[in-house]
PDB file of N, CA and C in Angstrom:
ATOM      1  N   UNK A   1     -52.343 -56.134  17.211  1.00  0.00           N
ATOM      2  CA  UNK A   1     -51.062 -56.229  17.566  1.00  0.00           C
ATOM      3  C   UNK A   1     -51.215 -56.344  19.373  1.00  0.00           C
ATOM      4  N   UNK A   2     -51.312 -55.703  19.835  1.00  0.00           N
ATOM      5  CA  UNK A   2     -51.534 -55.829  21.597  1.00  0.00           C
ATOM      6  C   UNK A   2     -52.406 -56.098  22.308  1.00  0.00           C
ATOM      7  N   UNK A   3     -53.461 -57.240  21.202  1.00  0.00           N
ATOM      8  CA  UNK A   3     -54.579 -58.274  21.885  1.00  0.00           C
ATOM      9  C   UNK A   3     -54.536 -59.072  22.939  1.00  0.00           C
ATOM     10  N   UNK A   4     -53.888 -59.800  22.377  1.00  0.00           N
ATOM     11  CA  UNK A   4     -53.585 -60.311  23.337  1.00  0.00           C
ATOM     12  C   UNK A   4     -52.633 -60.346  24.551  1.00  0.00           C
ATOM     13  N   UNK A   5     -51.713 -59.213  24.259  1.00  0.00           N
ATOM     14  CA  UNK A   5     -50.217 -59.488  24.939  1.00  0.00           C
ATOM     15  C   UNK A   5     -51.085 -58.662  26.678  1.00  0.00           C
ATOM     16  N   UNK A   6     -50.297 -58.946  27.230  1.00  0.00           N
ATOM     17  CA  UNK A   6     -50.314 -57.882  28.801  1.00  0.00           C
ATOM     18  C   UNK A   6     -49.574 -56.691  28.300  1.00  0.00           C
ATOM     19  N   UNK A   7     -50.215 -55.441  29.362  1.00  0.00           N
ATOM     20  CA  UNK A   7     -49.668 -54.064  29.169  1.00  0.00           C
ATOM     21  C   UNK A   7     -49.185 -53.718  30.175  1.00  0.00           C
ATOM     22  N   UNK A   8     -48.227 -53.659  30.162  1.00  0.00           N
ATOM     23  CA  UNK A   8     -47.574 -52.631  31.490  1.00  0.00           C
ATOM     24  C   UNK A   8     -47.031 -51.047  31.478  1.00  0.00           C
ATOM     25  N   UNK A   9     -47.573 -50.813  32.526  1.00  0.00           N
ATOM     26  CA  UNK A   9     -47.297 -49.049  32.550  1.00  0.00           C
ATOM     27  C   UNK A   9     -45.906 -49.015  33.723  1.00  0.00           C
ATOM     28  N   UNK A  10     -45.095 -47.999  32.953  1.00  0.00           N
ATOM     29  CA  UNK A  10     -43.562 -47.820  33.357  1.00  0.00           C
ATOM     30  C   UNK A  10     -43.994 -45.637  33.872  1.00  0.00           C
ATOM     31  N   UNK A  11     -43.558 -45.712  34.748  1.00  0.00           N
ATOM     32  CA  UNK A  11     -43.481 -44.180  35.384  1.00  0.00           C
ATOM     33  C   UNK A  11     -42.343 -43.637  34.317  1.00  0.00           C
ATOM     34  N   UNK A  12     -42.390 -42.891  33.633  1.00  0.00           N
ATOM     35  CA  UNK A  12     -41.418 -42.378  32.660  1.00  0.00           C
ATOM     36  C   UNK A  12     -41.581 -40.305  33.364  1.00  0.00           C
ATOM     37  N   UNK A  13     -40.909 -40.196  34.392  1.00  0.00           N
ATOM     38  CA  UNK A  13     -41.216 -39.032  35.134  1.00  0.00           C
ATOM     39  C   UNK A  13     -42.480 -38.566  35.472  1.00  0.00           C
ATOM     40  N   UNK A  14     -43.514 -39.318  35.649  1.00  0.00           N
ATOM     41  CA  UNK A  14     -44.583 -38.844  36.153  1.00  0.00           C
ATOM     42  C   UNK A  14     -46.023 -38.903  35.232  1.00  0.00           C
ATOM     43  N   UNK A  15     -44.957 -39.659  33.775  1.00  0.00           N
ATOM     44  CA  UNK A  15     -45.903 -40.216  32.539  1.00  0.00           C
ATOM     45  C   UNK A  15     -45.814 -41.115  32.688  1.00  0.00           C
ATOM     46  N   UNK A  16     -47.218 -41.759  32.570  1.00  0.00           N
ATOM     47  CA  UNK A  16     -47.701 -43.321  32.242  1.00  0.00           C
ATOM     48  C   UNK A  16     -46.912 -43.514  30.336  1.00  0.00           C
ATOM     49  N   UNK A  17     -46.390 -44.226  30.096  1.00  0.00           N
ATOM     50  CA  UNK A  17     -45.571 -45.121  28.977  1.00  0.00           C
ATOM     51  C   UNK A  17     -45.984 -46.280  28.861  1.00  0.00           C
ATOM     52  N   UNK A  18     -47.265 -47.190  28.160  1.00  0.00           N
ATOM     53  CA  UNK A  18     -47.229 -48.311  28.028  1.00  0.00           C
ATOM     54  C   UNK A  18     -46.379 -49.088  27.472  1.00  0.00           C
ATOM     55  N   UNK A  19     -46.225 -50.398  28.283  1.00  0.00           N
ATOM     56  CA  UNK A  19     -45.196 -51.250  26.949  1.00  0.00           C
ATOM     57  C   UNK A  19     -45.976 -52.844  27.639  1.00  0.00           C
ATOM     58  N   UNK A  20     -45.336 -53.562  26.430  1.00  0.00           N
ATOM     59  CA  UNK A  20     -45.879 -55.354  26.663  1.00  0.00           C
ATOM     60  C   UNK A  20     -45.110 -55.582  28.049  1.00  0.00           C
ATOM     61  N   UNK A  21     -45.125 -56.667  28.159  1.00  0.00           N
ATOM     62  CA  UNK A  21     -44.585 -57.264  28.961  1.00  0.00           C
ATOM     63  C   UNK A  21     -43.388 -57.795  29.271  1.00  0.00           C
ATOM     64  N   UNK A  22     -42.612 -57.321  28.290  1.00  0.00           N
ATOM     65  CA  UNK A  22     -40.885 -57.792  28.381  1.00  0.00           C
ATOM     66  C   UNK A  22     -40.785 -55.843  28.017  1.00  0.00           C
ATOM     67  N   UNK A  23     -41.678 -55.378  28.843  1.00  0.00           N
ATOM     68  CA  UNK A  23     -40.678 -53.958  28.409  1.00  0.00           C
ATOM     69  C   UNK A  23     -40.925 -52.904  27.038  1.00  0.00           C
ATOM     70  N   UNK A  24     -40.693 -53.669  25.762  1.00  0.00           N
ATOM     71  CA  UNK A  24     -41.317 -53.443  24.661  1.00  0.00           C
ATOM     72  C   UNK A  24     -42.347 -52.239  24.740  1.00  0.00           C
ATOM     73  N   UNK A  25     -42.231 -50.561  24.346  1.00  0.00           N
ATOM     74  CA  UNK A  25     -42.647 -49.736  24.279  1.00  0.00           C
ATOM     75  C   UNK A  25     -43.905 -50.068  23.156  1.00  0.00           C
ATOM     76  N   UNK A  26     -45.156 -49.741  23.566  1.00  0.00           N
ATOM     77  CA  UNK A  26     -46.246 -49.329  22.705  1.00  0.00           C
ATOM     78  C   UNK A  26     -46.711 -48.889  21.523  1.00  0.00           C
ATOM     79  N   UNK A  27     -46.145 -47.079  21.983  1.00  0.00           N
ATOM     80  CA  UNK A  27     -46.854 -46.121  20.914  1.00  0.00           C
ATOM     81  C   UNK A  27     -45.208 -45.556  20.854  1.00  0.00           C
ATOM     82  N   UNK A  28     -44.712 -45.847  19.885  1.00  0.00           N
ATOM     83  CA  UNK A  28     -43.503 -45.942  19.095  1.00  0.00           C
ATOM     84  C   UNK A  28     -43.162 -44.271  19.811  1.00  0.00           C
ATOM     85  N   UNK A  29     -43.910 -43.717  19.270  1.00  0.00           N
ATOM     86  CA  UNK A  29     -43.719 -41.961  19.502  1.00  0.00           C
ATOM     87  C   UNK A  29     -43.720 -41.346  20.868  1.00  0.00           C
ATOM     88  N   UNK A  30     -43.864 -42.498  22.025  1.00  0.00           N
ATOM     89  CA  UNK A  30     -43.804 -41.776  23.676  1.00  0.00           C
ATOM     90  C   UNK A  30     -42.147 -41.805  23.871  1.00  0.00           C
ATOM     91  N   UNK A  31     -41.368 -42.674  23.322  1.00  0.00           N
ATOM     92  CA  UNK A  31     -40.370 -42.814  23.447  1.00  0.00           C
ATOM     93  C   UNK A  31     -39.497 -41.321  23.690  1.00  0.00           C
ATOM     94  N   UNK A  32     -38.360 -41.495  24.469  1.00  0.00           N
ATOM     95  CA  UNK A  32     -37.797 -40.447  25.355  1.00  0.00           C
ATOM     96  C   UNK A  32     -36.294 -40.999  25.531  1.00  0.00           C
ATOM     97  N   UNK A  33     -35.688 -40.386  25.712  1.00  0.00           N
ATOM     98  CA  UNK A  33     -34.463 -40.352  27.202  1.00  0.00           C
ATOM     99  C   UNK A  33     -35.314 -40.879  28.327  1.00  0.00           C
ATOM    100  N   UNK A  34     -35.801 -40.339  28.912  1.00  0.00           N
ATOM    101  CA  UNK A  34     -35.813 -40.468  30.172  1.00  0.00           C
ATOM    102  C   UNK A  34     -36.654 -42.017  30.321  1.00  0.00           C
ATOM    103  N   UNK A  35     -37.529 -42.263  29.194  1.00  0.00           N
ATOM    104  CA  UNK A  35     -37.819 -43.382  28.736  1.00  0.00           C
ATOM    105  C   UNK A  35     -36.964 -44.706  28.942  1.00  0.00           C
ATOM    106  N   UNK A  36     -35.195 -44.408  27.940  1.00  0.00           N
ATOM    107  CA  UNK A  36     -34.293 -45.106  28.530  1.00  0.00           C
ATOM    108  C   UNK A  36     -34.134 -45.530  30.082  1.00  0.00           C
ATOM    109  N   UNK A  37     -34.535 -44.336  30.312  1.00  0.00           N
ATOM    110  CA  UNK A  37     -33.244 -44.137  31.598  1.00  0.00           C
ATOM    111  C   UNK A  37     -34.780 -45.276  32.821  1.00  0.00           C
ATOM    112  N   UNK A  38     -35.770 -45.210  32.609  1.00  0.00           N
ATOM    113  CA  UNK A  38     -37.123 -45.674  33.147  1.00  0.00           C
ATOM    114  C   UNK A  38     -36.811 -47.021  32.798  1.00  0.00           C
ATOM    115  N   UNK A  39     -36.558 -47.335  31.446  1.00  0.00           N
ATOM    116  CA  UNK A  39     -36.875 -48.659  31.481  1.00  0.00           C
ATOM    117  C   UNK A  39     -35.573 -49.835  32.032  1.00  0.00           C
ATOM    118  N   UNK A  40     -34.386 -48.884  31.844  1.00  0.00           N
ATOM    119  CA  UNK A  40     -33.211 -49.599  32.497  1.00  0.00           C
ATOM    120  C   UNK A  40     -32.956 -49.943  33.481  1.00  0.00           C
ATOM    121  N   UNK A  41     -33.818 -49.125  34.422  1.00  0.00           N
ATOM    122  CA  UNK A  41     -33.821 -49.228  35.949  1.00  0.00           C
ATOM    123  C   UNK A  41     -34.906 -50.100  36.535  1.00  0.00           C
ATOM    124  N   UNK A  42     -35.687 -50.469  35.563  1.00  0.00           N
ATOM    125  CA  UNK A  42     -36.430 -51.605  35.174  1.00  0.00           C
ATOM    126  C   UNK A  42     -35.647 -52.629  35.163  1.00  0.00           C
ATOM    127  N   UNK A  43     -34.826 -53.010  34.027  1.00  0.00           N
ATOM    128  CA  UNK A  43     -34.005 -53.844  33.743  1.00  0.00           C
ATOM    129  C   UNK A  43     -33.112 -54.534  34.827  1.00  0.00           C
ATOM    130  N   UNK A  44     -32.596 -53.196  35.565  1.00  0.00           N
ATOM    131  CA  UNK A  44     -31.483 -53.637  36.784  1.00  0.00           C
ATOM    132  C   UNK A  44     -30.150 -53.125  35.639  1.00  0.00           C
ATOM    133  N   UNK A  45     -30.398 -52.048  34.644  1.00  0.00           N
ATOM    134  CA  UNK A  45     -29.179 -52.036  33.819  1.00  0.00           C
ATOM    135  C   UNK A  45     -29.017 -50.528  34.485  1.00  0.00           C
ATOM    136  N   UNK A  46     -27.111 -50.589  34.733  1.00  0.00           N
ATOM    137  CA  UNK A  46     -27.048 -49.062  34.748  1.00  0.00           C
ATOM    138  C   UNK A  46     -26.444 -48.663  33.423  1.00  0.00           C
ATOM    139  N   UNK A  47     -26.733 -47.250  33.156  1.00  0.00           N
ATOM    140  CA  UNK A  47     -26.426 -47.719  32.025  1.00  0.00           C
ATOM    141  C   UNK A  47     -25.356 -46.339  31.585  1.00  0.00           C
ATOM    142  N   UNK A  48     -24.228 -46.786  30.389  1.00  0.00           N
ATOM    143  CA  UNK A  48     -23.098 -45.816  30.376  1.00  0.00           C
ATOM    144  C   UNK A  48     -23.285 -45.357  28.691  1.00  0.00           C
ATOM    145  N   UNK A  49     -21.866 -45.190  28.673  1.00  0.00           N
ATOM    146  CA  UNK A  49     -21.908 -44.104  27.247  1.00  0.00           C
ATOM    147  C   UNK A  49     -22.009 -45.224  25.821  1.00  0.00           C
ATOM    148  N   UNK A  50     -21.533 -46.857  26.331  1.00  0.00           N
ATOM    149  CA  UNK A  50     -21.512 -47.146  25.337  1.00  0.00           C
ATOM    150  C   UNK A  50     -23.192 -47.764  25.108  1.00  0.00           C
ATOM    151  N   UNK A  51     -23.774 -48.019  26.254  1.00  0.00           N
ATOM    152  CA  UNK A  51     -25.483 -48.486  26.208  1.00  0.00           C
ATOM    153  C   UNK A  51     -26.017 -47.234  25.136  1.00  0.00           C
ATOM    154  N   UNK A  52     -25.591 -46.131  25.504  1.00  0.00           N
ATOM    155  CA  UNK A  52     -26.621 -44.575  24.952  1.00  0.00           C
ATOM    156  C   UNK A  52     -25.702 -44.734  23.088  1.00  0.00           C
ATOM    157  N   UNK A  53     -24.609 -45.408  23.142  1.00  0.00           N
ATOM    158  CA  UNK A  53     -24.212 -45.033  21.972  1.00  0.00           C
ATOM    159  C   UNK A  53     -25.002 -46.445  21.115  1.00  0.00           C
ATOM    160  N   UNK A  54     -25.531 -47.431  21.397  1.00  0.00           N
ATOM    161  CA  UNK A  54     -25.593 -48.829  20.439  1.00  0.00           C
ATOM    162  C   UNK A  54     -27.503 -48.102  20.529  1.00  0.00           C
ATOM    163  N   UNK A  55     -28.034 -47.485  21.128  1.00  0.00           N
ATOM    164  CA  UNK A  55     -29.511 -47.139  21.680  1.00  0.00           C
ATOM    165  C   UNK A  55     -29.789 -46.021  20.626  1.00  0.00           C
ATOM    166  N   UNK A  56     -28.585 -45.288  20.511  1.00  0.00           N
ATOM    167  CA  UNK A  56     -29.087 -43.997  19.483  1.00  0.00           C
ATOM    168  C   UNK A  56     -28.465 -44.752  17.886  1.00  0.00           C
ATOM    169  N   UNK A  57     -27.993 -45.405  17.870  1.00  0.00           N
ATOM    170  CA  UNK A  57     -27.418 -46.324  16.546  1.00  0.00           C
ATOM    171  C   UNK A  57     -28.946 -47.058  16.225  1.00  0.00           C
ATOM    172  N   UNK A  58     -29.027 -48.055  17.217  1.00  0.00           N
ATOM    173  CA  UNK A  58     -30.062 -48.399  16.542  1.00  0.00           C
ATOM    174  C   UNK A  58     -31.367 -47.992  16.111  1.00  0.00           C
ATOM    175  N   UNK A  59     -31.808 -46.728  17.110  1.00  0.00           N
ATOM    176  CA  UNK A  59     -32.922 -45.821  16.638  1.00  0.00           C
ATOM    177  C   UNK A  59     -32.297 -45.167  15.153  1.00  0.00           C
ATOM    178  N   UNK A  60     -31.345 -44.681  15.105  1.00  0.00           N
ATOM    179  CA  UNK A  60     -31.170 -44.303  13.835  1.00  0.00           C
ATOM    180  C   UNK A  60     -31.361 -45.172  12.288  1.00  0.00           C
ATOM    181  N   UNK A  61     -30.223 -46.272  12.438  1.00  0.00           N
ATOM    182  CA  UNK A  61     -30.898 -47.635  11.851  1.00  0.00           C
ATOM    183  C   UNK A  61     -31.996 -47.672  11.169  1.00  0.00           C
ATOM    184  N   UNK A  62     -32.572 -47.932  12.397  1.00  0.00           N
ATOM    185  CA  UNK A  62     -34.322 -48.169  12.015  1.00  0.00           C
ATOM    186  C   UNK A  62     -35.135 -47.070  11.147  1.00  0.00           C
ATOM    187  N   UNK A  63     -34.827 -45.589  12.055  1.00  0.00           N
ATOM    188  CA  UNK A  63     -35.516 -44.593  11.169  1.00  0.00           C
ATOM    189  C   UNK A  63     -34.801 -44.472   9.603  1.00  0.00           C
ATOM    190  N   UNK A  64     -33.391 -45.017   9.491  1.00  0.00           N
ATOM    191  CA  UNK A  64     -32.881 -44.704   8.346  1.00  0.00           C
ATOM    192  C   UNK A  64     -33.436 -45.788   7.168  1.00  0.00           C
ATOM    193  N   UNK A  65     -33.434 -46.895   7.831  1.00  0.00           N
ATOM    194  CA  UNK A  65     -33.682 -48.337   6.638  1.00  0.00           C
ATOM    195  C   UNK A  65     -35.188 -48.855   6.994  1.00  0.00           C
ATOM    196  N   UNK A  66     -35.822 -48.150   8.166  1.00  0.00           N
ATOM    197  CA  UNK A  66     -37.736 -49.064   8.059  1.00  0.00           C
ATOM    198  C   UNK A  66     -37.136 -50.907   8.445  1.00  0.00           C
ATOM    199  N   UNK A  67     -36.153 -51.114   9.109  1.00  0.00           N
ATOM    200  CA  UNK A  67     -36.024 -52.030   9.657  1.00  0.00           C
ATOM    201  C   UNK A  67     -35.163 -52.039  10.897  1.00  0.00           C
ATOM    202  N   UNK A  68     -35.143 -53.177  11.834  1.00  0.00           N
ATOM    203  CA  UNK A  68     -34.523 -53.128  12.998  1.00  0.00           C
ATOM    204  C   UNK A  68     -32.960 -54.155  12.405  1.00  0.00           C
ATOM    205  N   UNK A  69     -31.842 -53.239  12.983  1.00  0.00           N
ATOM    206  CA  UNK A  69     -29.904 -53.647  12.694  1.00  0.00           C
ATOM    207  C   UNK A  69     -30.073 -55.154  13.105  1.00  0.00           C
ATOM    208  N   UNK A  70     -29.328 -55.895  12.534  1.00  0.00           N
ATOM    209  CA  UNK A  70     -28.703 -56.955  12.777  1.00  0.00           C
ATOM    210  C   UNK A  70     -28.071 -57.065  13.553  1.00  0.00           C
ATOM    211  N   UNK A  71     -27.367 -58.113  14.189  1.00  0.00           N
ATOM    212  CA  UNK A  71     -26.634 -58.271  15.007  1.00  0.00           C
ATOM    213  C   UNK A  71     -25.359 -58.007  14.385  1.00  0.00           C
ATOM    214  N   UNK A  72     -24.814 -58.843  13.485  1.00  0.00           N
ATOM    215  CA  UNK A  72     -24.374 -58.898  12.698  1.00  0.00           C
ATOM    216  C   UNK A  72     -23.567 -57.430  12.477  1.00  0.00           C
ATOM    217  N   UNK A  73     -24.409 -56.686  11.365  1.00  0.00           N
ATOM    218  CA  UNK A  73     -24.322 -55.602  11.443  1.00  0.00           C
ATOM    219  C   UNK A  73     -23.844 -54.426  12.657  1.00  0.00           C
ATOM    220  N   UNK A  74     -24.236 -54.724  13.878  1.00  0.00           N
ATOM    221  CA  UNK A  74     -24.040 -53.973  14.903  1.00  0.00           C
ATOM    222  C   UNK A  74     -22.625 -54.302  15.124  1.00  0.00           C
ATOM    223  N   UNK A  75     -22.211 -55.256  15.013  1.00  0.00           N
ATOM    224  CA  UNK A  75     -21.022 -55.924  15.347  1.00  0.00           C
ATOM    225  C   UNK A  75     -19.770 -55.355  14.256  1.00  0.00           C
ATOM    226  N   UNK A  76     -20.040 -54.899  12.860  1.00  0.00           N
ATOM    227  CA  UNK A  76     -19.504 -54.488  12.084  1.00  0.00           C
ATOM    228  C   UNK A  76     -19.190 -53.244  12.010  1.00  0.00           C
ATOM    229  N   UNK A  77     -20.254 -52.451  12.507  1.00  0.00           N
ATOM    230  CA  UNK A  77     -20.427 -50.741  12.896  1.00  0.00           C
ATOM    231  C   UNK A  77     -19.443 -50.989  14.300  1.00  0.00           C
ATOM    232  N   UNK A  78     -19.655 -51.860  15.110  1.00  0.00           N
ATOM    233  CA  UNK A  78     -18.774 -51.000  16.389  1.00  0.00           C
ATOM    234  C   UNK A  78     -17.749 -51.562  16.694  1.00  0.00           C
ATOM    235  N   UNK A  79     -17.279 -52.605  15.625  1.00  0.00           N
ATOM    236  CA  UNK A  79     -15.906 -53.067  15.717  1.00  0.00           C
ATOM    237  C   UNK A  79     -14.858 -51.417  15.060  1.00  0.00           C
ATOM    238  N   UNK A  80     -15.569 -51.176  14.023  1.00  0.00           N
ATOM    239  CA  UNK A  80     -14.980 -49.817  13.934  1.00  0.00           C
ATOM    240  C   UNK A  80     -14.710 -48.945  14.566  1.00  0.00           C
ATOM    241  N   UNK A  81     -15.726 -48.772  15.355  1.00  0.00           N
ATOM    242  CA  UNK A  81     -15.626 -47.304  16.507  1.00  0.00           C
ATOM    243  C   UNK A  81     -15.101 -48.155  17.737  1.00  0.00           C
ATOM    244  N   UNK A  82     -15.218 -49.277  18.206  1.00  0.00           N
ATOM    245  CA  UNK A  82     -14.598 -49.220  19.559  1.00  0.00           C
ATOM    246  C   UNK A  82     -13.538 -50.415  19.235  1.00  0.00           C
ATOM    247  N   UNK A  83     -13.328 -50.370  18.011  1.00  0.00           N
ATOM    248  CA  UNK A  83     -11.979 -52.170  18.183  1.00  0.00           C
ATOM    249  C   UNK A  83     -12.638 -53.047  18.098  1.00  0.00           C
ATOM    250  N   UNK A  84     -11.612 -54.401  17.977  1.00  0.00           N
ATOM    251  CA  UNK A  84     -12.332 -55.657  18.271  1.00  0.00           C
ATOM    252  C   UNK A  84     -12.649 -56.334  19.304  1.00  0.00           C
ATOM    253  N   UNK A  85     -12.248 -55.840  20.365  1.00  0.00           N
ATOM    254  CA  UNK A  85     -12.811 -56.393  21.977  1.00  0.00           C
ATOM    255  C   UNK A  85     -14.273 -55.959  21.813  1.00  0.00           C
ATOM    256  N   UNK A  86     -14.289 -54.392  22.198  1.00  0.00           N
ATOM    257  CA  UNK A  86     -15.306 -54.135  22.856  1.00  0.00           C
ATOM    258  C   UNK A  86     -15.997 -54.096  21.368  1.00  0.00           C
ATOM    259  N   UNK A  87     -16.015 -54.173  20.369  1.00  0.00           N
ATOM    260  CA  UNK A  87     -16.828 -54.174  18.995  1.00  0.00           C
ATOM    261  C   UNK A  87     -16.832 -55.832  18.817  1.00  0.00           C
ATOM    262  N   UNK A  88     -17.397 -56.112  19.683  1.00  0.00           N
ATOM    263  CA  UNK A  88     -17.473 -57.716  19.504  1.00  0.00           C
ATOM    264  C   UNK A  88     -19.124 -57.902  19.848  1.00  0.00           C
ATOM    265  N   UNK A  89     -19.527 -59.393  19.409  1.00  0.00           N
ATOM    266  CA  UNK A  89     -21.040 -59.657  19.509  1.00  0.00           C
ATOM    267  C   UNK A  89     -20.657 -60.100  21.493  1.00  0.00           C
ATOM    268  N   UNK A  90     -19.497 -60.966  21.833  1.00  0.00           N
ATOM    269  CA  UNK A  90     -19.955 -61.060  22.909  1.00  0.00           C
ATOM    270  C   UNK A  90     -19.897 -59.677  24.087  1.00  0.00           C
ATOM    271  N   UNK A  91     -19.250 -58.521  23.545  1.00  0.00           N
ATOM    272  CA  UNK A  91     -18.676 -57.995  24.059  1.00  0.00           C
ATOM    273  C   UNK A  91     -20.586 -56.915  24.184  1.00  0.00           C
ATOM    274  N   UNK A  92     -20.959 -56.777  23.219  1.00  0.00           N
ATOM    275  CA  UNK A  92     -22.098 -56.388  22.786  1.00  0.00           C
ATOM    276  C   UNK A  92     -23.599 -57.074  23.897  1.00  0.00           C
ATOM    277  N   UNK A  93     -23.133 -57.994  23.939  1.00  0.00           N
ATOM    278  CA  UNK A  93     -24.355 -59.344  25.081  1.00  0.00           C
ATOM    279  C   UNK A  93     -24.168 -59.544  26.327  1.00  0.00           C
ATOM    280  N   UNK A  94     -22.569 -59.146  26.791  1.00  0.00           N
ATOM    281  CA  UNK A  94     -22.101 -58.471  28.376  1.00  0.00           C
ATOM    282  C   UNK A  94     -22.686 -56.992  28.485  1.00  0.00           C
ATOM    283  N   UNK A  95     -22.718 -56.296  27.966  1.00  0.00           N
ATOM    284  CA  UNK A  95     -23.144 -55.091  28.093  1.00  0.00           C
ATOM    285  C   UNK A  95     -24.861 -54.991  27.978  1.00  0.00           C
ATOM    286  N   UNK A  96     -25.830 -55.787  27.363  1.00  0.00           N
ATOM    287  CA  UNK A  96     -26.882 -56.015  27.360  1.00  0.00           C
ATOM    288  C   UNK A  96     -27.169 -57.399  27.712  1.00  0.00           C
ATOM    289  N   UNK A  97     -27.191 -57.231  29.237  1.00  0.00           N
ATOM    290  CA  UNK A  97     -27.112 -59.255  29.475  1.00  0.00           C
ATOM    291  C   UNK A  97     -28.708 -59.481  29.246  1.00  0.00           C
ATOM    292  N   UNK A  98     -29.705 -58.955  28.958  1.00  0.00           N
ATOM    293  CA  UNK A  98     -30.902 -59.132  28.778  1.00  0.00           C
ATOM    294  C   UNK A  98     -31.427 -59.377  27.731  1.00  0.00           C
ATOM    295  N   UNK A  99     -31.000 -60.600  27.087  1.00  0.00           N
ATOM    296  CA  UNK A  99     -31.337 -60.389  25.459  1.00  0.00           C
ATOM    297  C   UNK A  99     -30.353 -60.026  24.613  1.00  0.00           C
ATOM    298  N   UNK A 100     -29.225 -59.369  24.905  1.00  0.00           N
ATOM    299  CA  UNK A 100     -28.384 -59.025  24.073  1.00  0.00           C
ATOM    300  C   UNK A 100     -29.151 -57.666  23.394  1.00  0.00           C
ATOM    301  N   UNK A 101     -27.962 -56.999  22.331  1.00  0.00           N
ATOM    302  CA  UNK A 101     -27.847 -55.949  21.584  1.00  0.00           C
ATOM    303  C   UNK A 101     -29.599 -55.491  20.647  1.00  0.00           C
ATOM    304  N   UNK A 102     -29.547 -56.916  20.486  1.00  0.00           N
ATOM    305  CA  UNK A 102     -31.298 -57.378  19.311  1.00  0.00           C
ATOM    306  C   UNK A 102     -32.359 -56.647  19.782  1.00  0.00           C
ATOM    307  N   UNK A 103     -32.352 -57.523  21.489  1.00  0.00           N
ATOM    308  CA  UNK A 103     -33.741 -57.191  22.342  1.00  0.00           C
ATOM    309  C   UNK A 103     -33.918 -56.362  23.371  1.00  0.00           C
ATOM    310  N   UNK A 104     -32.171 -56.621  23.613  1.00  0.00           N
ATOM    311  CA  UNK A 104     -32.581 -55.203  25.419  1.00  0.00           C
ATOM    312  C   UNK A 104     -32.129 -53.921  24.532  1.00  0.00           C
ATOM    313  N   UNK A 105     -31.539 -54.156  23.733  1.00  0.00           N
ATOM    314  CA  UNK A 105     -31.378 -52.961  23.029  1.00  0.00           C
ATOM    315  C   UNK A 105     -32.137 -51.940  22.313  1.00  0.00           C
ATOM    316  N   UNK A 106     -33.308 -52.989  21.196  1.00  0.00           N
ATOM    317  CA  UNK A 106     -34.085 -52.496  20.874  1.00  0.00           C
ATOM    318  C   UNK A 106     -35.209 -51.889  22.016  1.00  0.00           C
ATOM    319  N   UNK A 107     -35.424 -52.615  22.993  1.00  0.00           N
ATOM    320  CA  UNK A 107     -36.393 -52.411  23.979  1.00  0.00           C
ATOM    321  C   UNK A 107     -35.957 -50.588  24.658  1.00  0.00           C
ATOM    322  N   UNK A 108     -35.143 -50.891  24.880  1.00  0.00           N
ATOM    323  CA  UNK A 108     -34.226 -49.453  25.034  1.00  0.00           C
ATOM    324  C   UNK A 108     -34.794 -48.018  23.809  1.00  0.00           C
ATOM    325  N   UNK A 109     -34.348 -48.735  22.949  1.00  0.00           N
ATOM    326  CA  UNK A 109     -34.438 -47.499  21.732  1.00  0.00           C
ATOM    327  C   UNK A 109     -35.454 -47.565  21.418  1.00  0.00           C
ATOM    328  N   UNK A 110     -36.991 -48.409  22.409  1.00  0.00           N
ATOM    329  CA  UNK A 110     -37.808 -47.629  21.682  1.00  0.00           C
ATOM    330  C   UNK A 110     -38.673 -48.378  20.159  1.00  0.00           C
ATOM    331  N   UNK A 111     -38.481 -49.090  20.139  1.00  0.00           N
ATOM    332  CA  UNK A 111     -38.620 -50.138  18.873  1.00  0.00           C
ATOM    333  C   UNK A 111     -39.398 -51.859  19.148  1.00  0.00           C
ATOM    334  N   UNK A 112     -40.021 -51.785  18.664  1.00  0.00           N
ATOM    335  CA  UNK A 112     -41.066 -52.645  18.442  1.00  0.00           C
ATOM    336  C   UNK A 112     -39.990 -54.202  18.829  1.00  0.00           C
ATOM    337  N   UNK A 113     -41.301 -55.315  18.983  1.00  0.00           N
ATOM    338  CA  UNK A 113     -40.554 -56.748  19.183  1.00  0.00           C
ATOM    339  C   UNK A 113     -40.292 -56.826  18.216  1.00  0.00           C
ATOM    340  N   UNK A 114     -38.472 -57.785  17.645  1.00  0.00           N
ATOM    341  CA  UNK A 114     -38.703 -58.536  16.338  1.00  0.00           C
ATOM    342  C   UNK A 114     -39.413 -59.620  16.393  1.00  0.00           C
ATOM    343  N   UNK A 115     -39.562 -60.489  14.742  1.00  0.00           N
ATOM    344  CA  UNK A 115     -40.213 -61.006  14.594  1.00  0.00           C
ATOM    345  C   UNK A 115     -39.824 -62.218  15.103  1.00  0.00           C
ATOM    346  N   UNK A 116     -40.674 -62.818  15.209  1.00  0.00           N
ATOM    347  CA  UNK A 116     -39.913 -64.574  15.637  1.00  0.00           C
ATOM    348  C   UNK A 116     -40.020 -64.297  17.544  1.00  0.00           C
ATOM    349  N   UNK A 117     -39.924 -63.137  18.170  1.00  0.00           N
ATOM    350  CA  UNK A 117     -39.788 -63.024  19.423  1.00  0.00           C
ATOM    351  C   UNK A 117     -41.647 -63.376  20.497  1.00  0.00           C
ATOM    352  N   UNK A 118     -41.213 -63.746  21.237  1.00  0.00           N
ATOM    353  CA  UNK A 118     -42.609 -64.594  22.425  1.00  0.00           C
ATOM    354  C   UNK A 118     -42.468 -63.826  23.421  1.00  0.00           C
TER     355      UNK A 118
END
């Protein structure tokens, strides 16, 4: 899968974690909350409680359903929790400015690149 892909190294508290050129983790079992902090810093993203809620939701969804969550399902979930203004696609894309919750959120959640991403 990573034969023709550039591998980068991310320093996670002194431990090197491999990511692809866009920051998607190569080995899912190397994910940690420290990885989230390091990757967010690399992407110039200041983490809030909302970011953590989305990241943990994405991880839980993936491990429960064996597939990444679609944005419309994220919106439905967070609309119920946060209300219609913050639980919207626009808001989720605002807090994850580098590819929205499905790309940037999945990167931080330690999930693989979704099909069709280049």
